[in-house]
N, C-alpha and C. Protein backbone atom coordinates (compact mmCIF):
# COMPACT_ATOMS: atom_id res chain seq x y z
N MET A 1 0.85 -1.14 -0.08
CA MET A 1 0.00 0.10 -0.01
C MET A 1 0.78 1.27 -0.07
N ALA A 2 0.52 2.20 -0.83
CA ALA A 2 1.26 3.65 -0.86
C ALA A 2 0.95 4.25 0.43
N TYR A 3 1.99 5.18 0.68
CA TYR A 3 1.97 6.19 1.74
C TYR A 3 0.93 7.12 1.41
N ARG A 4 -0.09 7.44 2.16
CA ARG A 4 -1.01 8.30 1.84
C ARG A 4 -0.72 9.55 2.47
N ASN A 5 -0.30 10.52 1.78
CA ASN A 5 -0.16 12.01 2.32
C ASN A 5 -0.40 13.19 1.20
N LYS A 6 -1.32 12.71 0.28
CA LYS A 6 -1.79 13.64 -0.52
C LYS A 6 -3.25 14.13 -0.24
N VAL A 7 -3.59 15.20 -0.85
CA VAL A 7 -5.10 15.76 -0.61
C VAL A 7 -5.50 15.60 -2.19
N TYR A 8 -6.70 14.88 -2.20
CA TYR A 8 -7.22 14.75 -3.52
C TYR A 8 -8.40 15.86 -3.61
N VAL A 9 -8.29 16.81 -4.55
CA VAL A 9 -9.27 17.78 -4.69
C VAL A 9 -10.24 17.38 -5.92
N ALA A 10 -11.57 17.40 -5.65
CA ALA A 10 -12.39 17.14 -6.75
C ALA A 10 -13.35 18.34 -7.00
N PHE A 11 -13.39 18.64 -8.29
CA PHE A 11 -14.30 19.88 -8.54
C PHE A 11 -14.64 20.05 -9.85
N ASP A 12 -15.51 20.98 -10.31
CA ASP A 12 -16.10 21.15 -11.66
C ASP A 12 -15.11 21.82 -12.52
N GLY A 13 -14.21 21.14 -13.33
CA GLY A 13 -13.17 21.58 -14.07
C GLY A 13 -13.53 22.81 -15.00
N ASP A 14 -14.82 22.87 -15.40
CA ASP A 14 -15.30 23.73 -16.36
C ASP A 14 -15.63 25.06 -15.68
N ASN A 15 -16.24 25.10 -14.45
CA ASN A 15 -16.62 26.21 -13.86
C ASN A 15 -15.93 26.77 -12.60
N ASP A 16 -15.18 25.81 -12.03
CA ASP A 16 -14.60 26.09 -10.72
C ASP A 16 -13.16 26.01 -10.68
N MET A 17 -12.38 26.15 -11.77
CA MET A 17 -10.99 25.91 -11.92
C MET A 17 -10.28 26.99 -11.09
N SER A 18 -10.86 28.27 -11.08
CA SER A 18 -10.19 29.27 -10.25
C SER A 18 -10.12 28.99 -8.75
N ALA A 19 -11.19 28.39 -8.16
CA ALA A 19 -11.14 27.90 -6.86
C ALA A 19 -10.06 26.86 -6.47
N TYR A 20 -9.79 25.90 -7.58
CA TYR A 20 -8.80 24.91 -7.25
C TYR A 20 -7.47 25.65 -7.53
N ARG A 21 -7.33 26.61 -8.49
CA ARG A 21 -6.01 27.31 -8.73
C ARG A 21 -5.75 28.14 -7.48
N SER A 22 -6.79 28.61 -6.66
CA SER A 22 -6.39 29.28 -5.43
C SER A 22 -5.78 28.51 -4.37
N PHE A 23 -6.22 27.32 -4.32
CA PHE A 23 -5.50 26.13 -3.49
C PHE A 23 -3.97 26.07 -3.66
N GLN A 24 -3.76 26.07 -5.04
CA GLN A 24 -2.32 26.04 -5.51
C GLN A 24 -1.62 27.25 -5.18
N MET A 25 -2.18 28.38 -5.45
CA MET A 25 -1.60 29.72 -5.11
C MET A 25 -1.27 29.77 -3.48
N TRP A 26 -2.29 29.54 -2.71
CA TRP A 26 -2.17 29.67 -1.24
C TRP A 26 -0.98 28.53 -0.81
N ASP A 27 -0.84 27.48 -1.35
CA ASP A 27 0.07 26.57 -1.05
C ASP A 27 1.63 27.07 -1.50
N ALA A 28 1.61 27.78 -2.79
CA ALA A 28 2.83 28.35 -3.16
C ALA A 28 3.27 29.61 -2.53
N ASN A 29 2.35 30.24 -1.78
CA ASN A 29 2.71 31.64 -1.39
C ASN A 29 3.12 31.71 0.08
N SER A 30 4.18 32.12 0.40
CA SER A 30 4.67 31.96 1.79
C SER A 30 3.90 32.83 2.81
N ASN A 31 3.04 33.87 2.24
CA ASN A 31 2.21 34.74 3.11
C ASN A 31 1.08 34.16 3.73
N PHE A 32 0.71 32.91 3.04
CA PHE A 32 -0.48 32.14 3.53
C PHE A 32 0.11 30.80 4.39
N ASN A 33 -0.59 30.69 5.41
CA ASN A 33 -0.28 29.39 6.26
C ASN A 33 -1.19 28.33 5.75
N PHE A 34 -0.87 27.93 4.58
CA PHE A 34 -1.61 26.85 3.87
C PHE A 34 -0.75 25.79 3.07
N SER A 35 -0.59 24.65 3.34
CA SER A 35 0.11 23.76 2.63
C SER A 35 -0.49 22.55 2.39
N PHE A 36 -0.44 21.85 1.16
CA PHE A 36 -1.14 20.53 0.97
C PHE A 36 -0.28 19.88 0.01
N HIS A 37 -0.16 18.57 0.05
CA HIS A 37 0.45 17.67 -1.02
C HIS A 37 -0.72 17.32 -1.85
N ASN A 38 -0.57 17.93 -3.21
CA ASN A 38 -1.74 17.81 -4.06
C ASN A 38 -1.47 16.28 -4.78
N ALA A 39 -2.68 15.65 -4.63
CA ALA A 39 -2.62 14.31 -5.44
C ALA A 39 -2.60 14.57 -6.94
N HIS A 40 -3.04 15.72 -7.35
CA HIS A 40 -3.10 15.94 -8.78
C HIS A 40 -1.74 16.36 -9.49
N ASP A 41 -0.73 16.40 -8.51
CA ASP A 41 0.61 16.46 -8.93
C ASP A 41 1.15 15.12 -9.54
N LEU A 42 0.55 14.10 -9.16
CA LEU A 42 0.98 12.86 -9.55
C LEU A 42 0.45 12.51 -11.11
N ASN A 43 1.21 11.87 -11.92
CA ASN A 43 0.87 11.52 -13.32
C ASN A 43 -0.06 12.57 -14.06
N HIS A 44 0.50 13.70 -14.27
CA HIS A 44 -0.10 14.98 -14.83
C HIS A 44 -0.82 14.61 -16.22
N ALA A 45 -0.21 13.76 -16.91
CA ALA A 45 -0.72 13.62 -18.42
C ALA A 45 -1.89 12.66 -18.32
N LEU A 46 -2.97 13.25 -18.55
CA LEU A 46 -4.27 12.31 -18.78
C LEU A 46 -4.64 12.41 -20.13
N ASP A 47 -4.82 11.16 -20.69
CA ASP A 47 -5.43 11.14 -22.12
C ASP A 47 -7.05 11.53 -22.06
N SER A 48 -7.38 12.70 -22.25
CA SER A 48 -8.68 13.01 -21.96
C SER A 48 -9.69 12.46 -22.88
N SER A 49 -9.28 11.60 -23.90
CA SER A 49 -10.26 11.15 -24.79
C SER A 49 -10.83 9.57 -24.33
N GLN A 50 -10.11 9.02 -23.29
CA GLN A 50 -10.57 7.68 -22.78
C GLN A 50 -10.93 7.68 -21.46
N GLU A 51 -12.22 7.48 -21.27
CA GLU A 51 -12.64 7.73 -19.70
C GLU A 51 -12.11 6.67 -18.79
N GLU A 52 -11.81 5.37 -19.35
CA GLU A 52 -11.26 4.26 -18.37
C GLU A 52 -9.82 4.69 -18.12
N THR A 53 -9.17 5.38 -19.04
CA THR A 53 -7.73 5.59 -18.96
C THR A 53 -7.62 6.71 -17.73
N ILE A 54 -8.50 7.70 -17.81
CA ILE A 54 -8.51 8.86 -16.93
C ILE A 54 -8.98 8.22 -15.44
N LYS A 55 -10.01 7.33 -15.42
CA LYS A 55 -10.34 6.84 -14.24
C LYS A 55 -9.06 6.04 -13.58
N ARG A 56 -8.36 5.28 -14.43
CA ARG A 56 -7.21 4.60 -13.91
C ARG A 56 -6.21 5.46 -13.16
N LYS A 57 -5.83 6.51 -13.89
CA LYS A 57 -4.84 7.45 -13.54
C LYS A 57 -5.51 8.11 -12.10
N LEU A 58 -6.67 8.46 -12.15
CA LEU A 58 -7.22 9.07 -10.93
C LEU A 58 -7.18 7.93 -9.64
N ARG A 59 -7.37 6.63 -9.93
CA ARG A 59 -7.33 5.87 -9.01
C ARG A 59 -5.94 5.70 -8.37
N GLU A 60 -4.82 5.93 -9.18
CA GLU A 60 -3.60 5.98 -8.72
C GLU A 60 -3.26 7.10 -7.88
N ARG A 61 -4.02 8.21 -8.23
CA ARG A 61 -3.97 9.47 -7.34
C ARG A 61 -4.76 9.28 -5.95
N PHE A 62 -5.76 8.64 -6.14
CA PHE A 62 -6.53 8.17 -4.77
C PHE A 62 -5.69 7.14 -3.99
N ALA A 63 -4.79 6.47 -4.57
CA ALA A 63 -3.96 5.38 -3.83
C ALA A 63 -3.10 6.03 -2.88
N ASN A 64 -2.74 7.30 -3.16
CA ASN A 64 -1.85 8.09 -2.45
C ASN A 64 -2.36 9.25 -1.73
N SER A 65 -3.77 9.15 -1.61
CA SER A 65 -4.51 10.23 -0.95
C SER A 65 -5.14 9.90 0.54
N LYS A 66 -4.89 10.94 1.40
CA LYS A 66 -5.42 10.77 2.77
C LYS A 66 -6.67 11.38 3.04
N MET A 67 -7.16 12.41 2.16
CA MET A 67 -8.55 12.89 2.29
C MET A 67 -9.13 13.33 0.99
N LEU A 68 -10.26 13.64 0.79
CA LEU A 68 -10.89 14.25 -0.29
C LEU A 68 -11.43 15.77 0.06
N ILE A 69 -11.12 16.73 -0.71
CA ILE A 69 -11.64 17.96 -0.69
C ILE A 69 -12.49 18.13 -1.95
N LEU A 70 -13.86 18.26 -1.59
CA LEU A 70 -14.84 18.48 -2.73
C LEU A 70 -15.22 20.01 -2.86
N ILE A 71 -14.90 20.47 -3.90
CA ILE A 71 -15.36 21.97 -4.09
C ILE A 71 -16.72 21.94 -4.71
N VAL A 72 -17.55 22.51 -3.87
CA VAL A 72 -18.97 22.49 -4.27
C VAL A 72 -19.43 23.83 -4.93
N GLY A 73 -19.59 23.91 -6.16
CA GLY A 73 -20.00 24.99 -6.91
C GLY A 73 -21.44 24.72 -7.26
N GLU A 74 -21.80 25.67 -8.13
CA GLU A 74 -23.28 25.77 -8.63
C GLU A 74 -23.60 24.54 -9.47
N HIS A 75 -22.63 23.88 -10.13
CA HIS A 75 -22.97 22.82 -11.06
C HIS A 75 -22.53 21.56 -10.59
N THR A 76 -21.94 21.43 -9.46
CA THR A 76 -21.08 20.25 -9.05
C THR A 76 -22.11 19.07 -8.95
N LYS A 77 -23.29 19.16 -8.36
CA LYS A 77 -24.09 18.14 -8.11
C LYS A 77 -24.66 17.53 -9.47
N TYR A 78 -24.34 18.13 -10.51
CA TYR A 78 -24.88 17.60 -11.86
C TYR A 78 -23.84 16.68 -12.56
N LEU A 79 -22.73 16.58 -11.94
CA LEU A 79 -21.37 16.02 -12.51
C LEU A 79 -21.30 14.64 -12.24
N TYR A 80 -21.90 13.64 -13.05
CA TYR A 80 -21.90 12.39 -12.64
C TYR A 80 -20.76 11.47 -13.39
N LYS A 81 -20.23 11.80 -14.38
CA LYS A 81 -19.14 11.19 -14.97
C LYS A 81 -17.85 11.11 -14.06
N PHE A 82 -17.55 12.22 -13.70
CA PHE A 82 -16.11 12.02 -12.87
C PHE A 82 -16.33 12.59 -11.44
N VAL A 83 -16.95 13.57 -11.18
CA VAL A 83 -17.05 14.16 -9.78
C VAL A 83 -17.79 13.15 -8.96
N ARG A 84 -19.00 12.83 -9.37
CA ARG A 84 -19.79 11.68 -8.56
C ARG A 84 -18.99 10.39 -8.43
N TRP A 85 -18.17 9.91 -9.52
CA TRP A 85 -17.39 8.82 -9.33
C TRP A 85 -16.27 9.06 -8.30
N GLU A 86 -15.69 10.16 -8.38
CA GLU A 86 -14.60 10.63 -7.34
C GLU A 86 -15.02 10.53 -5.92
N ILE A 87 -16.20 11.05 -5.73
CA ILE A 87 -16.90 11.03 -4.33
C ILE A 87 -17.19 9.47 -3.95
N GLU A 88 -17.62 8.61 -4.91
CA GLU A 88 -17.89 7.28 -4.56
C GLU A 88 -16.66 6.51 -4.22
N VAL A 89 -15.45 6.92 -4.82
CA VAL A 89 -14.22 6.19 -4.60
C VAL A 89 -13.92 6.53 -3.37
N ALA A 90 -13.93 7.82 -3.01
CA ALA A 90 -13.50 8.27 -1.67
C ALA A 90 -14.34 7.72 -0.56
N ILE A 91 -15.63 7.55 -0.77
CA ILE A 91 -16.51 6.87 0.16
C ILE A 91 -15.98 5.38 0.44
N LYS A 92 -15.68 4.82 -0.67
CA LYS A 92 -15.29 3.30 -0.55
C LYS A 92 -14.13 3.21 -0.03
N LEU A 93 -13.20 3.97 -0.10
CA LEU A 93 -11.83 4.03 0.36
C LEU A 93 -11.78 4.51 2.00
N GLY A 94 -13.09 5.09 2.42
CA GLY A 94 -13.15 5.61 3.69
C GLY A 94 -12.31 6.75 3.92
N LEU A 95 -12.05 7.71 2.89
CA LEU A 95 -11.36 8.88 3.10
C LEU A 95 -12.12 9.99 3.65
N PRO A 96 -11.57 10.75 4.70
CA PRO A 96 -12.40 11.87 5.24
C PRO A 96 -12.65 12.80 4.05
N ILE A 97 -13.80 13.30 4.17
CA ILE A 97 -14.33 14.14 3.16
C ILE A 97 -14.69 15.73 3.64
N ILE A 98 -14.07 16.60 2.95
CA ILE A 98 -14.39 18.12 3.25
C ILE A 98 -15.00 18.67 2.13
N ALA A 99 -16.44 19.08 2.41
CA ALA A 99 -17.18 19.74 1.15
C ALA A 99 -16.99 21.28 1.42
N VAL A 100 -16.33 22.07 0.33
CA VAL A 100 -16.17 23.37 0.47
C VAL A 100 -17.01 24.19 -0.31
N ASN A 101 -17.99 24.81 0.24
CA ASN A 101 -18.95 25.42 -0.53
C ASN A 101 -18.49 26.87 -1.07
N LEU A 102 -18.51 27.04 -2.32
CA LEU A 102 -17.96 28.14 -2.99
C LEU A 102 -19.10 29.38 -2.72
N ASN A 103 -20.32 28.96 -2.28
CA ASN A 103 -21.36 29.99 -1.97
C ASN A 103 -21.20 30.71 -0.72
N GLY A 104 -20.14 30.21 0.05
CA GLY A 104 -19.72 30.87 1.50
C GLY A 104 -20.66 30.26 2.60
N ARG A 105 -21.68 29.42 2.30
CA ARG A 105 -22.33 28.63 3.46
C ARG A 105 -21.61 27.63 4.25
N ARG A 106 -21.82 27.75 5.46
CA ARG A 106 -21.15 26.89 6.33
C ARG A 106 -21.77 25.57 6.65
N LYS A 107 -22.85 25.18 5.96
CA LYS A 107 -23.55 24.01 5.99
C LYS A 107 -23.92 23.55 4.65
N GLY A 108 -24.26 22.37 4.49
CA GLY A 108 -24.68 21.72 3.21
C GLY A 108 -25.99 22.25 2.79
N ASP A 109 -26.19 22.36 1.46
CA ASP A 109 -27.53 23.00 0.86
C ASP A 109 -27.85 22.11 -0.35
N ASP A 110 -28.78 22.75 -1.17
CA ASP A 110 -29.28 21.87 -2.29
C ASP A 110 -28.31 21.81 -3.43
N LEU A 111 -27.07 22.40 -3.22
CA LEU A 111 -25.92 22.24 -4.22
C LEU A 111 -25.09 21.08 -3.94
N MET A 112 -25.32 20.56 -2.79
CA MET A 112 -24.47 19.36 -2.33
C MET A 112 -24.90 18.07 -3.24
N PRO A 113 -23.88 17.45 -3.79
CA PRO A 113 -24.14 16.16 -4.55
C PRO A 113 -25.07 15.25 -3.69
N ALA A 114 -26.04 14.58 -4.35
CA ALA A 114 -27.06 13.71 -3.47
C ALA A 114 -26.13 12.37 -2.94
N VAL A 115 -25.09 11.97 -3.65
CA VAL A 115 -24.46 10.95 -3.31
C VAL A 115 -23.62 11.19 -2.08
N LEU A 116 -23.29 12.37 -1.54
CA LEU A 116 -22.73 12.71 -0.25
C LEU A 116 -23.62 13.13 0.82
N ARG A 117 -24.85 13.48 0.53
CA ARG A 117 -25.68 13.96 1.59
C ARG A 117 -25.80 13.03 2.85
N ASN A 118 -25.87 11.84 2.74
CA ASN A 118 -25.88 11.02 4.00
C ASN A 118 -24.56 10.23 4.30
N GLU A 119 -23.63 10.64 3.59
CA GLU A 119 -22.14 10.12 3.99
C GLU A 119 -21.38 10.94 4.94
N LEU A 120 -20.57 10.47 5.71
CA LEU A 120 -19.82 11.16 6.60
C LEU A 120 -18.87 12.28 6.02
N HIS A 121 -19.26 13.61 6.38
CA HIS A 121 -18.36 14.74 5.79
C HIS A 121 -18.59 15.88 6.62
N ILE A 122 -17.68 16.82 6.37
CA ILE A 122 -17.80 18.24 7.12
C ILE A 122 -18.02 19.09 5.92
N THR A 123 -18.92 20.25 6.21
CA THR A 123 -19.09 21.29 5.11
C THR A 123 -18.53 22.56 5.73
N ILE A 124 -17.93 23.33 4.89
CA ILE A 124 -17.43 24.51 5.31
C ILE A 124 -17.36 25.51 4.07
N PRO A 125 -17.23 26.94 4.43
CA PRO A 125 -17.26 27.71 3.31
C PRO A 125 -15.92 27.90 2.77
N TYR A 126 -15.77 28.41 1.54
CA TYR A 126 -14.56 28.59 0.72
C TYR A 126 -13.69 29.87 1.27
N LYS A 127 -13.12 29.55 2.46
CA LYS A 127 -12.09 30.49 3.00
C LYS A 127 -10.85 29.82 3.47
N GLU A 128 -9.76 30.30 3.25
CA GLU A 128 -8.41 29.71 3.43
C GLU A 128 -8.18 29.16 4.92
N LYS A 129 -8.55 29.99 5.75
CA LYS A 129 -8.39 29.67 7.16
C LYS A 129 -9.26 28.47 7.66
N ILE A 130 -10.50 28.39 7.21
CA ILE A 130 -11.18 27.22 7.66
C ILE A 130 -10.87 26.06 6.66
N ILE A 131 -10.58 26.09 5.56
CA ILE A 131 -10.05 24.97 4.83
C ILE A 131 -8.86 24.37 5.46
N LYS A 132 -7.82 25.20 5.81
CA LYS A 132 -6.65 24.77 6.59
C LYS A 132 -6.99 24.17 7.85
N TYR A 133 -7.86 24.67 8.65
CA TYR A 133 -8.37 24.18 9.86
C TYR A 133 -8.98 22.81 9.60
N ALA A 134 -9.87 22.61 8.73
CA ALA A 134 -10.65 21.42 8.43
C ALA A 134 -9.50 20.32 7.97
N MET A 135 -8.50 20.71 7.20
CA MET A 135 -7.54 19.79 6.75
C MET A 135 -6.80 19.24 8.04
N ASP A 136 -6.54 20.01 8.91
CA ASP A 136 -5.73 19.75 10.09
C ASP A 136 -6.51 18.87 11.04
N ASN A 137 -7.87 19.07 11.10
CA ASN A 137 -8.61 18.60 12.22
C ASN A 137 -9.61 17.70 11.87
N TRP A 138 -10.20 17.74 10.53
CA TRP A 138 -11.27 16.82 10.21
C TRP A 138 -11.01 15.48 10.27
N PRO A 139 -9.71 14.97 9.84
CA PRO A 139 -9.41 13.50 9.64
C PRO A 139 -9.63 12.85 11.01
N ALA A 140 -9.23 13.46 12.08
CA ALA A 140 -9.33 12.84 13.44
C ALA A 140 -10.65 12.76 13.88
N SER A 141 -11.51 13.77 13.63
CA SER A 141 -12.94 13.78 13.93
C SER A 141 -13.62 12.67 12.93
N ASP A 142 -13.28 12.57 11.71
CA ASP A 142 -13.85 11.62 10.82
C ASP A 142 -13.50 10.02 11.33
N LYS A 143 -12.40 9.81 11.83
CA LYS A 143 -12.04 8.68 12.25
C LYS A 143 -12.91 8.30 13.57
N LYS A 144 -13.02 9.15 14.55
CA LYS A 144 -13.82 9.07 15.87
C LYS A 144 -15.25 8.78 15.39
N TYR A 145 -15.89 9.45 14.39
CA TYR A 145 -17.31 9.27 14.07
C TYR A 145 -17.35 7.95 13.30
N ARG A 146 -16.53 7.70 12.46
CA ARG A 146 -16.53 6.31 11.81
C ARG A 146 -16.63 5.27 12.89
N ASN A 147 -15.51 5.21 13.86
CA ASN A 147 -15.63 4.38 14.82
C ASN A 147 -16.94 4.15 15.61
N ASP A 148 -17.66 5.26 15.82
CA ASP A 148 -19.02 5.28 16.45
C ASP A 148 -20.11 5.14 15.38
N ASN A 149 -19.75 4.68 14.25
CA ASN A 149 -20.71 4.32 13.20
C ASN A 149 -21.62 5.60 12.82
N LYS A 150 -21.03 6.77 12.87
CA LYS A 150 -21.86 8.00 12.56
C LYS A 150 -21.82 8.34 10.94
N THR A 151 -22.74 8.91 10.56
CA THR A 151 -22.86 9.22 9.13
C THR A 151 -23.42 10.68 8.93
N GLY A 152 -23.59 11.09 7.62
CA GLY A 152 -24.04 12.46 7.64
C GLY A 152 -23.20 13.53 7.54
N GLY A 153 -23.80 14.79 7.31
CA GLY A 153 -22.90 15.92 7.28
C GLY A 153 -22.80 16.68 8.68
N TYR A 154 -21.51 17.23 8.86
CA TYR A 154 -21.29 17.80 10.05
C TYR A 154 -20.88 19.36 9.71
N VAL A 155 -20.92 20.06 10.71
CA VAL A 155 -20.45 21.59 10.65
C VAL A 155 -19.79 22.08 11.82
N TYR A 156 -18.96 22.95 11.62
CA TYR A 156 -18.15 23.31 12.83
C TYR A 156 -18.94 24.40 13.46
N PRO A 157 -18.82 24.44 14.84
CA PRO A 157 -19.75 25.48 15.64
C PRO A 157 -19.07 26.83 15.35
N ASP A 158 -20.00 27.85 15.64
CA ASP A 158 -19.58 29.19 15.47
C ASP A 158 -18.18 29.59 16.30
N SER A 159 -18.01 29.03 17.40
CA SER A 159 -16.82 29.32 18.01
C SER A 159 -15.54 29.07 17.40
N VAL A 160 -15.51 27.98 16.25
CA VAL A 160 -14.12 27.91 15.48
C VAL A 160 -14.01 28.93 14.63
N TYR A 161 -15.24 29.37 14.04
CA TYR A 161 -15.03 30.46 13.17
C TYR A 161 -14.64 31.75 13.91
N LYS A 162 -15.16 31.86 15.20
CA LYS A 162 -14.71 33.08 15.86
C LYS A 162 -13.23 32.98 16.07
N ASP A 163 -12.69 31.75 16.64
CA ASP A 163 -11.29 31.73 16.87
C ASP A 163 -10.42 31.83 15.67
N LEU A 164 -10.99 31.61 14.59
CA LEU A 164 -10.18 31.99 13.26
C LEU A 164 -10.49 33.31 12.76
N ASP A 165 -11.19 34.01 13.47
CA ASP A 165 -11.44 35.41 13.09
C ASP A 165 -12.33 35.37 11.69
N LEU A 166 -13.04 34.45 11.64
CA LEU A 166 -14.04 34.46 10.36
C LEU A 166 -15.57 34.90 10.66
C-alpha cells in the first residue's frame, strides 16, 4: 500500500477551476499558512479522450490520498461522469471528506451532490483559514465518528469560526 500523504481535490473543471487554482496559489505563497500535498501533482498527463484511462490514473492518485476535498459550486451536483465517481471512490476508501461551499455557506445545501448527503463529511465555506483548519482537524474527527458508526454531514460550531476571525 502506498503512503497516503496527498490531498485529492474534486471539482467542476469547467466552472470552478479558479477555486482550485487558489488552493495551489495559497500553497505556493509563503504569506499564507496553507500547505497541502496535491494528489493531482501525480501523473499529470491524462488522455482526456478515454474515460477508463482517466479513471485508472485518478485511482492511482487516490491510492496516495489521505482525504478528499470537494469544491462545491453551482453545477457540481450535476457532474456524474467524474465528480460523482470521485466521491464514490473516496467513500469506498473511507477517506475523510471536506465539502467546501463556494457560495460561502457553512452547511450543506441543495448544491451538495446527492451521493454525499448521507455520507460522513464536514461542510465549510470557501475561506483559506477554515479550509486549513478542516484539513488539520477533520481527519481525526472523521476517524472518531466512523468508529462510532456515525454518518451524515457535520459543521463546525460558530466558536471555531470566531477563533479563526471568520
